[in-house]
Amino acid sequence: MMTNKIRKAVIPVGGLGTRFLPATKAMPKEMLPILDKPVIQYIVEEAVASGIEQIILVTGSGKRAIEDHFDHNFELAYNLAGKNKKELLKKVQEIEDLAEFIYVRQPKPLGDGHAILCAKNIVGNEPFAVLFGDDIIDHQKPALAQLMEVFEKTKSPVLCLENVPDEEVQNYGIVEPKNEKDGLIEIQNLVEKPSPENAPSNLGIIGKYICTPDIFNHLEKSQSSHADGEIRLIDAFLSYIKEGGQIFGTAVQGTRYDTGHKWGLLQANIAFAMKDPELKEKITELCRNL
């Protein structure tokens, strides 16, 4: 029997990060910093703040730095302790203790659905979260916690949605609503990156989901119709709906930063820096002198 408690989060981190080359030639894009923390740490902290106990990172080639970031570094700890840098030592130790980390290798880049399927044996028969490393949503209540509250009501998969401008719908998976009540949308169809004239709505799917374990069955039998041969999560959701399953979507509160693009990463850095009084003063002065 499936439990309703969400304890596990799957985070695919196998992407190449070509938008940030040459910076990502030897460094995972997930390790690009927002101030003094890498993007992936913000995602993990969101999961932990939402009650997640186990983080399953689906990695690929060249992602060792992510594992090292959440692992214990004896040399660094020894050095900080020897120099009596207690605050810095506390910060790095807190990273190691955030959650239980499990790493799974995606052997080939066969799409986001394939990456999630790699975590099947670890997830087991439990509902679970899926978080992609590009979307950071800044709000007092974590975005994932907001989705989990919806799941408690529906006991069905939940997608994070956002109204996107017409000129941007072709960059998103777009949902077709069946009905809506109190901000909760039942979804009857999903379209991957449609042209504006063919989009069924302006509701774009953001990289945060709650999935039930039966989604693995739909991923396994999914025969991708895409020219690149990838298995995509959206295909599994479509299969789930066609077989009578209900999927819901909701917008969450907070400001979203798409750190998978240069402008989004820069926005996030500026926004988080403006929360620090000293940095805010320096940024304001810099802008005046530009």
C-alpha atoms as a PDB file:
ATOM      1  CA  MET A   1       0.000   0.000   0.000  1.00  0.00           C
ATOM      2  CA  MET A   2       1.252   3.467  -0.927  1.00  0.00           C
ATOM      3  CA  THR A   3       2.021   5.815   1.925  1.00  0.00           C
ATOM      4  CA  ASN A   4       0.883   9.438   1.577  1.00  0.00           C
ATOM      5  CA  LYS A   5       3.897  10.939   3.322  1.00  0.00           C
ATOM      6  CA  ILE A   6       6.422  12.511   0.959  1.00  0.00           C
ATOM      7  CA  ARG A   7       9.906  11.799   2.269  1.00  0.00           C
ATOM      8  CA  LYS A   8      11.978  11.642  -0.907  1.00  0.00           C
ATOM      9  CA  ALA A   9      12.949  14.120  -3.604  1.00  0.00           C
ATOM     10  CA  VAL A  10      14.492  13.217  -6.961  1.00  0.00           C
ATOM     11  CA  ILE A  11      16.715  15.931  -8.423  1.00  0.00           C
ATOM     12  CA  PRO A  12      18.034  15.292 -11.957  1.00  0.00           C
ATOM     13  CA  VAL A  13      21.406  17.014 -12.359  1.00  0.00           C
ATOM     14  CA  GLY A  14      22.798  15.353 -15.468  1.00  0.00           C
ATOM     15  CA  GLY A  15      22.456  18.289 -17.891  1.00  0.00           C
ATOM     16  CA  LEU A  16      25.485  19.710 -19.694  1.00  0.00           C
ATOM     17  CA  GLY A  17      24.744  23.386 -19.043  1.00  0.00           C
ATOM     18  CA  THR A  18      25.705  24.518 -22.545  1.00  0.00           C
ATOM     19  CA  ARG A  19      24.147  27.956 -22.037  1.00  0.00           C
ATOM     20  CA  PHE A  20      26.947  28.754 -19.590  1.00  0.00           C
ATOM     21  CA  LEU A  21      29.923  27.524 -21.575  1.00  0.00           C
ATOM     22  CA  PRO A  22      32.848  27.883 -21.139  1.00  0.00           C
ATOM     23  CA  ALA A  23      32.177  28.214 -17.367  1.00  0.00           C
ATOM     24  CA  THR A  24      30.482  24.795 -17.333  1.00  0.00           C
ATOM     25  CA  LYS A  25      33.162  23.003 -19.342  1.00  0.00           C
ATOM     26  CA  ALA A  26      34.683  21.630 -16.130  1.00  0.00           C
ATOM     27  CA  MET A  27      32.067  22.695 -13.541  1.00  0.00           C
ATOM     28  CA  PRO A  28      28.450  21.485 -13.253  1.00  0.00           C
ATOM     29  CA  LYS A  29      25.937  24.224 -14.026  1.00  0.00           C
ATOM     30  CA  GLU A  30      24.228  23.341 -10.732  1.00  0.00           C
ATOM     31  CA  MET A  31      27.351  24.562  -8.929  1.00  0.00           C
ATOM     32  CA  LEU A  32      27.134  28.076 -10.370  1.00  0.00           C
ATOM     33  CA  PRO A  33      26.836  30.430  -7.401  1.00  0.00           C
ATOM     34  CA  ILE A  34      24.113  32.692  -6.149  1.00  0.00           C
ATOM     35  CA  LEU A  35      26.252  34.798  -3.835  1.00  0.00           C
ATOM     36  CA  ASP A  36      28.098  32.278  -1.635  1.00  0.00           C
ATOM     37  CA  LYS A  37      25.965  29.177  -2.286  1.00  0.00           C
ATOM     38  CA  PRO A  38      25.616  27.069  -5.442  1.00  0.00           C
ATOM     39  CA  VAL A  39      22.225  26.829  -7.120  1.00  0.00           C
ATOM     40  CA  ILE A  40      21.843  23.158  -6.183  1.00  0.00           C
ATOM     41  CA  GLN A  41      22.114  23.976  -2.482  1.00  0.00           C
ATOM     42  CA  TYR A  42      19.126  26.321  -2.707  1.00  0.00           C
ATOM     43  CA  ILE A  43      17.114  23.496  -4.295  1.00  0.00           C
ATOM     44  CA  VAL A  44      18.160  20.996  -1.622  1.00  0.00           C
ATOM     45  CA  GLU A  45      17.417  23.483   1.167  1.00  0.00           C
ATOM     46  CA  GLU A  46      13.930  24.031  -0.272  1.00  0.00           C
ATOM     47  CA  ALA A  47      13.326  20.285  -0.176  1.00  0.00           C
ATOM     48  CA  VAL A  48      14.587  19.922   3.385  1.00  0.00           C
ATOM     49  CA  ALA A  49      12.563  22.928   4.584  1.00  0.00           C
ATOM     50  CA  SER A  50       9.494  21.190   3.111  1.00  0.00           C
ATOM     51  CA  GLY A  51      10.089  18.047   5.175  1.00  0.00           C
ATOM     52  CA  ILE A  52      12.075  15.931   2.705  1.00  0.00           C
ATOM     53  CA  GLU A  53      14.409  13.459   4.413  1.00  0.00           C
ATOM     54  CA  GLN A  54      16.129  11.763   1.471  1.00  0.00           C
ATOM     55  CA  ILE A  55      17.653  13.530  -1.534  1.00  0.00           C
ATOM     56  CA  ILE A  56      18.201  11.387  -4.637  1.00  0.00           C
ATOM     57  CA  LEU A  57      20.521  13.158  -7.065  1.00  0.00           C
ATOM     58  CA  VAL A  58      20.526  11.643 -10.557  1.00  0.00           C
ATOM     59  CA  THR A  59      23.928  12.569 -11.927  1.00  0.00           C
ATOM     60  CA  GLY A  60      25.856  12.219 -15.153  1.00  0.00           C
ATOM     61  CA  SER A  61      29.425  12.456 -16.292  1.00  0.00           C
ATOM     62  CA  GLY A  62      31.371  15.385 -14.840  1.00  0.00           C
ATOM     63  CA  LYS A  63      29.095  15.949 -11.840  1.00  0.00           C
ATOM     64  CA  ARG A  64      31.509  14.851  -9.107  1.00  0.00           C
ATOM     65  CA  ALA A  65      31.679  18.398  -7.697  1.00  0.00           C
ATOM     66  CA  ILE A  66      28.032  18.113  -6.622  1.00  0.00           C
ATOM     67  CA  GLU A  67      28.753  14.973  -4.613  1.00  0.00           C
ATOM     68  CA  ASP A  68      31.828  16.588  -3.067  1.00  0.00           C
ATOM     69  CA  HIS A  69      29.825  19.668  -2.089  1.00  0.00           C
ATOM     70  CA  PHE A  70      27.434  17.683   0.110  1.00  0.00           C
ATOM     71  CA  ASP A  71      30.111  15.315   1.404  1.00  0.00           C
ATOM     72  CA  HIS A  72      32.450  15.746   4.367  1.00  0.00           C
ATOM     73  CA  ASN A  73      35.751  17.466   3.563  1.00  0.00           C
ATOM     74  CA  PHE A  74      38.181  16.530   6.296  1.00  0.00           C
ATOM     75  CA  GLU A  75      41.005  18.774   5.079  1.00  0.00           C
ATOM     76  CA  LEU A  76      38.768  21.844   4.881  1.00  0.00           C
ATOM     77  CA  ALA A  77      37.185  21.174   8.286  1.00  0.00           C
ATOM     78  CA  TYR A  78      40.596  20.604   9.865  1.00  0.00           C
ATOM     79  CA  ASN A  79      41.920  23.829   8.341  1.00  0.00           C
ATOM     80  CA  LEU A  80      38.946  25.935   9.483  1.00  0.00           C
ATOM     81  CA  ALA A  81      39.056  24.461  12.997  1.00  0.00           C
ATOM     82  CA  GLY A  82      42.792  25.120  13.243  1.00  0.00           C
ATOM     83  CA  LYS A  83      42.273  28.761  12.305  1.00  0.00           C
ATOM     84  CA  ASN A  84      39.346  29.071  14.731  1.00  0.00           C
ATOM     85  CA  LYS A  85      36.940  30.013  11.923  1.00  0.00           C
ATOM     86  CA  LYS A  86      33.959  28.647  13.787  1.00  0.00           C
ATOM     87  CA  GLU A  87      31.223  30.302  11.744  1.00  0.00           C
ATOM     88  CA  LEU A  88      32.601  29.070   8.436  1.00  0.00           C
ATOM     89  CA  LEU A  89      33.108  25.597   9.882  1.00  0.00           C
ATOM     90  CA  LYS A  90      29.498  25.555  11.051  1.00  0.00           C
ATOM     91  CA  LYS A  91      28.291  26.520   7.566  1.00  0.00           C
ATOM     92  CA  VAL A  92      30.117  23.707   5.780  1.00  0.00           C
ATOM     93  CA  GLN A  93      29.104  21.141   8.409  1.00  0.00           C
ATOM     94  CA  GLU A  94      25.455  22.132   8.066  1.00  0.00           C
ATOM     95  CA  ILE A  95      25.616  21.289   4.365  1.00  0.00           C
ATOM     96  CA  GLU A  96      26.723  17.730   5.142  1.00  0.00           C
ATOM     97  CA  ASP A  97      23.871  17.234   7.623  1.00  0.00           C
ATOM     98  CA  LEU A  98      21.018  18.606   5.506  1.00  0.00           C
ATOM     99  CA  ALA A  99      19.589  15.215   4.550  1.00  0.00           C
ATOM    100  CA  GLU A 100      20.452  11.689   3.520  1.00  0.00           C
ATOM    101  CA  PHE A 101      22.019  11.932   0.058  1.00  0.00           C
ATOM    102  CA  ILE A 102      21.883   9.142  -2.500  1.00  0.00           C
ATOM    103  CA  TYR A 103      23.537   9.390  -5.900  1.00  0.00           C
ATOM    104  CA  VAL A 104      22.347   7.522  -8.985  1.00  0.00           C
ATOM    105  CA  ARG A 105      24.128   7.678 -12.328  1.00  0.00           C
ATOM    106  CA  GLN A 106      22.105   8.229 -15.501  1.00  0.00           C
ATOM    107  CA  PRO A 107      24.234   6.227 -17.950  1.00  0.00           C
ATOM    108  CA  LYS A 108      23.041   8.031 -21.080  1.00  0.00           C
ATOM    109  CA  PRO A 109      21.368  11.448 -21.597  1.00  0.00           C
ATOM    110  CA  LEU A 110      17.984  10.035 -22.596  1.00  0.00           C
ATOM    111  CA  GLY A 111      15.783  12.783 -21.169  1.00  0.00           C
ATOM    112  CA  ASP A 112      14.284  13.946 -17.887  1.00  0.00           C
ATOM    113  CA  GLY A 113      11.843  11.033 -17.768  1.00  0.00           C
ATOM    114  CA  HIS A 114      14.691   8.556 -18.095  1.00  0.00           C
ATOM    115  CA  ALA A 115      16.605  10.359 -15.318  1.00  0.00           C
ATOM    116  CA  ILE A 116      13.630  10.004 -12.965  1.00  0.00           C
ATOM    117  CA  LEU A 117      13.214   6.363 -13.950  1.00  0.00           C
ATOM    118  CA  CYS A 118      16.800   5.755 -12.794  1.00  0.00           C
ATOM    119  CA  ALA A 119      15.608   6.465  -9.234  1.00  0.00           C
ATOM    120  CA  LYS A 120      12.720   3.960  -9.299  1.00  0.00           C
ATOM    121  CA  ASN A 121      14.283   1.333  -7.050  1.00  0.00           C
ATOM    122  CA  ILE A 122      15.209   3.905  -4.415  1.00  0.00           C
ATOM    123  CA  VAL A 123      11.848   5.683  -4.399  1.00  0.00           C
ATOM    124  CA  GLY A 124       9.873   2.461  -4.106  1.00  0.00           C
ATOM    125  CA  ASN A 125       6.113   2.592  -3.555  1.00  0.00           C
ATOM    126  CA  GLU A 126       5.983   6.155  -2.219  1.00  0.00           C
ATOM    127  CA  PRO A 127       4.858   9.510  -3.550  1.00  0.00           C
ATOM    128  CA  PHE A 128       7.880  11.683  -4.198  1.00  0.00           C
ATOM    129  CA  ALA A 129       8.948  15.146  -5.249  1.00  0.00           C
ATOM    130  CA  VAL A 130      10.823  15.993  -8.427  1.00  0.00           C
ATOM    131  CA  LEU A 131      12.850  19.186  -8.430  1.00  0.00           C
ATOM    132  CA  PHE A 132      14.876  20.477 -11.349  1.00  0.00           C
ATOM    133  CA  GLY A 133      17.941  22.530 -10.591  1.00  0.00           C
ATOM    134  CA  ASP A 134      17.078  25.638 -12.616  1.00  0.00           C
ATOM    135  CA  ASP A 135      13.995  26.964 -10.833  1.00  0.00           C
ATOM    136  CA  ILE A 136      14.441  28.834  -7.575  1.00  0.00           C
ATOM    137  CA  ILE A 137      11.292  30.299  -6.023  1.00  0.00           C
ATOM    138  CA  ASP A 138      11.896  32.766  -3.221  1.00  0.00           C
ATOM    139  CA  HIS A 139       9.144  32.809  -0.592  1.00  0.00           C
ATOM    140  CA  GLN A 140       8.815  32.387   3.159  1.00  0.00           C
ATOM    141  CA  LYS A 141       6.918  29.136   2.596  1.00  0.00           C
ATOM    142  CA  PRO A 142       8.922  26.879   0.249  1.00  0.00           C
ATOM    143  CA  ALA A 143       7.325  26.230  -3.130  1.00  0.00           C
ATOM    144  CA  LEU A 144       7.566  22.474  -2.616  1.00  0.00           C
ATOM    145  CA  ALA A 145       5.755  22.743   0.729  1.00  0.00           C
ATOM    146  CA  GLN A 146       2.941  24.554  -1.080  1.00  0.00           C
ATOM    147  CA  LEU A 147       2.672  21.726  -3.622  1.00  0.00           C
ATOM    148  CA  MET A 148       2.714  19.149  -0.840  1.00  0.00           C
ATOM    149  CA  GLU A 149      -0.285  20.840   0.771  1.00  0.00           C
ATOM    150  CA  VAL A 150      -2.179  20.402  -2.522  1.00  0.00           C
ATOM    151  CA  PHE A 151      -1.162  16.732  -2.662  1.00  0.00           C
ATOM    152  CA  GLU A 152      -2.584  16.209   0.817  1.00  0.00           C
ATOM    153  CA  LYS A 153      -5.981  17.201  -0.614  1.00  0.00           C
ATOM    154  CA  THR A 154      -5.845  15.473  -4.001  1.00  0.00           C
ATOM    155  CA  LYS A 155      -3.615  12.383  -3.438  1.00  0.00           C
ATOM    156  CA  SER A 156      -2.774  12.837  -7.135  1.00  0.00           C
ATOM    157  CA  PRO A 157       0.255  14.170  -9.021  1.00  0.00           C
ATOM    158  CA  VAL A 158       0.664  17.941  -8.725  1.00  0.00           C
ATOM    159  CA  LEU A 159       2.501  20.239 -11.152  1.00  0.00           C
ATOM    160  CA  CYS A 160       3.810  23.716 -10.386  1.00  0.00           C
ATOM    161  CA  LEU A 161       2.397  26.215 -12.895  1.00  0.00           C
ATOM    162  CA  GLU A 162       3.029  29.813 -13.859  1.00  0.00           C
ATOM    163  CA  ASN A 163       1.311  32.190 -16.262  1.00  0.00           C
ATOM    164  CA  VAL A 164       3.841  32.911 -19.001  1.00  0.00           C
ATOM    165  CA  PRO A 165       3.749  35.623 -21.718  1.00  0.00           C
ATOM    166  CA  ASP A 166       2.661  34.632 -25.232  1.00  0.00           C
ATOM    167  CA  GLU A 167       6.173  35.062 -26.581  1.00  0.00           C
ATOM    168  CA  GLU A 168       7.540  32.562 -24.044  1.00  0.00           C
ATOM    169  CA  VAL A 169       5.048  29.672 -24.283  1.00  0.00           C
ATOM    170  CA  GLN A 170       7.246  27.921 -26.847  1.00  0.00           C
ATOM    171  CA  ASN A 171       9.880  27.484 -24.105  1.00  0.00           C
ATOM    172  CA  TYR A 172       7.575  25.573 -21.739  1.00  0.00           C
ATOM    173  CA  GLY A 173       5.383  22.555 -21.384  1.00  0.00           C
ATOM    174  CA  ILE A 174       1.874  24.054 -21.450  1.00  0.00           C
ATOM    175  CA  VAL A 175      -1.213  22.572 -19.805  1.00  0.00           C
ATOM    176  CA  GLU A 176      -4.791  22.529 -21.002  1.00  0.00           C
ATOM    177  CA  PRO A 177      -7.118  22.990 -18.016  1.00  0.00           C
ATOM    178  CA  LYS A 178     -10.194  20.809 -17.581  1.00  0.00           C
ATOM    179  CA  ASN A 179     -11.629  22.776 -14.678  1.00  0.00           C
ATOM    180  CA  GLU A 180     -10.454  25.138 -11.956  1.00  0.00           C
ATOM    181  CA  LYS A 181     -11.582  25.769  -8.416  1.00  0.00           C
ATOM    182  CA  ASP A 182      -9.906  27.971  -5.804  1.00  0.00           C
ATOM    183  CA  GLY A 183      -6.655  28.101  -7.775  1.00  0.00           C
ATOM    184  CA  LEU A 184      -6.485  24.317  -8.211  1.00  0.00           C
ATOM    185  CA  ILE A 185      -6.527  23.235 -11.850  1.00  0.00           C
ATOM    186  CA  GLU A 186      -7.373  19.758 -13.083  1.00  0.00           C
ATOM    187  CA  ILE A 187      -5.327  19.110 -16.218  1.00  0.00           C
ATOM    188  CA  GLN A 188      -6.754  17.337 -19.268  1.00  0.00           C
ATOM    189  CA  ASN A 189      -3.808  17.703 -21.652  1.00  0.00           C
ATOM    190  CA  LEU A 190      -0.171  18.816 -21.819  1.00  0.00           C
ATOM    191  CA  VAL A 191       1.708  20.129 -24.836  1.00  0.00           C
ATOM    192  CA  GLU A 192       5.487  20.324 -25.029  1.00  0.00           C
ATOM    193  CA  LYS A 193       6.752  23.746 -26.215  1.00  0.00           C
ATOM    194  CA  PRO A 194       3.849  24.724 -28.520  1.00  0.00           C
ATOM    195  CA  SER A 195       3.862  27.759 -30.763  1.00  0.00           C
ATOM    196  CA  PRO A 196       1.838  30.665 -29.301  1.00  0.00           C
ATOM    197  CA  GLU A 197      -1.006  30.144 -31.788  1.00  0.00           C
ATOM    198  CA  ASN A 198      -1.280  26.445 -30.898  1.00  0.00           C
ATOM    199  CA  ALA A 199      -0.908  26.761 -27.125  1.00  0.00           C
ATOM    200  CA  PRO A 200      -4.009  25.592 -25.201  1.00  0.00           C
ATOM    201  CA  SER A 201      -3.324  28.161 -22.460  1.00  0.00           C
ATOM    202  CA  ASN A 202      -0.583  30.334 -21.002  1.00  0.00           C
ATOM    203  CA  LEU A 203      -0.033  28.034 -18.029  1.00  0.00           C
ATOM    204  CA  GLY A 204       3.564  26.887 -18.195  1.00  0.00           C
ATOM    205  CA  ILE A 205       4.966  23.970 -16.187  1.00  0.00           C
ATOM    206  CA  ILE A 206       7.741  24.914 -13.769  1.00  0.00           C
ATOM    207  CA  GLY A 207      10.362  22.381 -12.678  1.00  0.00           C
ATOM    208  CA  LYS A 208       8.695  21.268  -9.431  1.00  0.00           C
ATOM    209  CA  TYR A 209       6.356  18.277  -9.173  1.00  0.00           C
ATOM    210  CA  ILE A 210       4.751  15.804  -6.816  1.00  0.00           C
ATOM    211  CA  CYS A 211       4.557  12.349  -8.422  1.00  0.00           C
ATOM    212  CA  THR A 212       2.889   9.136  -7.320  1.00  0.00           C
ATOM    213  CA  PRO A 213       4.882   5.916  -7.781  1.00  0.00           C
ATOM    214  CA  ASP A 214       2.646   4.637 -10.598  1.00  0.00           C
ATOM    215  CA  ILE A 215       4.252   7.292 -12.807  1.00  0.00           C
ATOM    216  CA  PHE A 216       7.186   4.865 -13.139  1.00  0.00           C
ATOM    217  CA  ASN A 217       4.931   2.407 -14.988  1.00  0.00           C
ATOM    218  CA  HIS A 218       4.057   5.106 -17.495  1.00  0.00           C
ATOM    219  CA  LEU A 219       7.702   6.068 -17.911  1.00  0.00           C
ATOM    220  CA  GLU A 220       8.697   2.455 -18.517  1.00  0.00           C
ATOM    221  CA  LYS A 221       6.133   1.849 -21.236  1.00  0.00           C
ATOM    222  CA  SER A 222       6.514   5.274 -22.790  1.00  0.00           C
ATOM    223  CA  GLN A 223       7.556   5.000 -26.418  1.00  0.00           C
ATOM    224  CA  SER A 224       9.008   8.380 -27.164  1.00  0.00           C
ATOM    225  CA  SER A 225       7.820   9.976 -30.378  1.00  0.00           C
ATOM    226  CA  HIS A 226      10.568  12.575 -30.247  1.00  0.00           C
ATOM    227  CA  ALA A 227      13.256  12.632 -32.905  1.00  0.00           C
ATOM    228  CA  ASP A 228      15.983  12.758 -30.253  1.00  0.00           C
ATOM    229  CA  GLY A 229      14.777   9.490 -28.717  1.00  0.00           C
ATOM    230  CA  GLU A 230      14.375  10.975 -25.239  1.00  0.00           C
ATOM    231  CA  ILE A 231      11.889   9.766 -22.625  1.00  0.00           C
ATOM    232  CA  ARG A 232      10.231  12.809 -21.136  1.00  0.00           C
ATOM    233  CA  LEU A 233       8.228  13.210 -17.989  1.00  0.00           C
ATOM    234  CA  ILE A 234       5.473  15.003 -19.900  1.00  0.00           C
ATOM    235  CA  ASP A 235       4.924  11.830 -21.972  1.00  0.00           C
ATOM    236  CA  ALA A 236       4.315   9.828 -18.793  1.00  0.00           C
ATOM    237  CA  PHE A 237       1.853  12.439 -17.530  1.00  0.00           C
ATOM    238  CA  LEU A 238      -0.049  12.254 -20.836  1.00  0.00           C
ATOM    239  CA  SER A 239      -0.198   8.458 -20.585  1.00  0.00           C
ATOM    240  CA  TYR A 240      -1.373   8.749 -16.969  1.00  0.00           C
ATOM    241  CA  ILE A 241      -4.252  11.052 -17.976  1.00  0.00           C
ATOM    242  CA  LYS A 242      -5.258   8.898 -20.967  1.00  0.00           C
ATOM    243  CA  GLU A 243      -5.626   5.900 -18.656  1.00  0.00           C
ATOM    244  CA  GLY A 244      -8.002   7.806 -16.388  1.00  0.00           C
ATOM    245  CA  GLY A 245      -5.605   9.316 -13.846  1.00  0.00           C
ATOM    246  CA  GLN A 246      -6.092  12.802 -12.460  1.00  0.00           C
ATOM    247  CA  ILE A 247      -3.298  15.362 -12.493  1.00  0.00           C
ATOM    248  CA  PHE A 248      -3.604  18.773 -10.887  1.00  0.00           C
ATOM    249  CA  GLY A 249      -1.663  21.991 -11.231  1.00  0.00           C
ATOM    250  CA  THR A 250      -1.366  25.116  -9.152  1.00  0.00           C
ATOM    251  CA  ALA A 251       0.559  28.358  -9.106  1.00  0.00           C
ATOM    252  CA  VAL A 252       2.643  28.910  -5.978  1.00  0.00           C
ATOM    253  CA  GLN A 253       3.458  32.072  -4.112  1.00  0.00           C
ATOM    254  CA  GLY A 254       6.914  33.553  -4.505  1.00  0.00           C
ATOM    255  CA  THR A 255       9.310  35.085  -7.019  1.00  0.00           C
ATOM    256  CA  ARG A 256      10.781  32.642  -9.527  1.00  0.00           C
ATOM    257  CA  TYR A 257      14.283  32.856 -10.955  1.00  0.00           C
ATOM    258  CA  ASP A 258      15.168  30.678 -13.933  1.00  0.00           C
ATOM    259  CA  THR A 259      18.837  30.125 -13.190  1.00  0.00           C
ATOM    260  CA  GLY A 260      19.238  28.000 -16.309  1.00  0.00           C
ATOM    261  CA  HIS A 261      19.679  31.245 -18.243  1.00  0.00           C
ATOM    262  CA  LYS A 262      22.275  33.979 -17.761  1.00  0.00           C
ATOM    263  CA  TRP A 263      19.703  36.687 -17.084  1.00  0.00           C
ATOM    264  CA  GLY A 264      17.827  34.560 -14.551  1.00  0.00           C
ATOM    265  CA  LEU A 265      21.021  33.703 -12.678  1.00  0.00           C
ATOM    266  CA  LEU A 266      22.034  37.354 -12.644  1.00  0.00           C
ATOM    267  CA  GLN A 267      18.578  38.381 -11.402  1.00  0.00           C
ATOM    268  CA  ALA A 268      18.799  35.859  -8.577  1.00  0.00           C
ATOM    269  CA  ASN A 269      22.234  37.109  -7.545  1.00  0.00           C
ATOM    270  CA  ILE A 270      21.066  40.724  -7.480  1.00  0.00           C
ATOM    271  CA  ALA A 271      17.805  39.938  -5.666  1.00  0.00           C
ATOM    272  CA  PHE A 272      19.482  37.889  -2.937  1.00  0.00           C
ATOM    273  CA  ALA A 273      22.288  40.434  -2.615  1.00  0.00           C
ATOM    274  CA  MET A 274      19.733  43.205  -2.081  1.00  0.00           C
ATOM    275  CA  LYS A 275      18.585  41.411   1.079  1.00  0.00           C
ATOM    276  CA  ASP A 276      21.985  42.095   2.632  1.00  0.00           C
ATOM    277  CA  PRO A 277      22.158  45.735   3.846  1.00  0.00           C
ATOM    278  CA  GLU A 278      25.878  46.110   3.072  1.00  0.00           C
ATOM    279  CA  LEU A 279      25.626  44.569  -0.388  1.00  0.00           C
ATOM    280  CA  LYS A 280      22.457  46.548  -1.112  1.00  0.00           C
ATOM    281  CA  GLU A 281      24.284  49.783  -0.404  1.00  0.00           C
ATOM    282  CA  LYS A 282      27.174  48.783  -2.664  1.00  0.00           C
ATOM    283  CA  ILE A 283      24.885  47.700  -5.508  1.00  0.00           C
ATOM    284  CA  THR A 284      22.891  50.926  -5.259  1.00  0.00           C
ATOM    285  CA  GLU A 285      26.074  52.963  -5.404  1.00  0.00           C
ATOM    286  CA  LEU A 286      27.363  50.941  -8.344  1.00  0.00           C
ATOM    287  CA  CYS A 287      24.122  51.483 -10.296  1.00  0.00           C
ATOM    288  CA  ARG A 288      24.307  55.222  -9.691  1.00  0.00           C
ATOM    289  CA  ASN A 289      27.798  55.343 -11.155  1.00  0.00           C
ATOM    290  CA  LEU A 290      27.122  53.254 -14.254  1.00  0.00           C
END
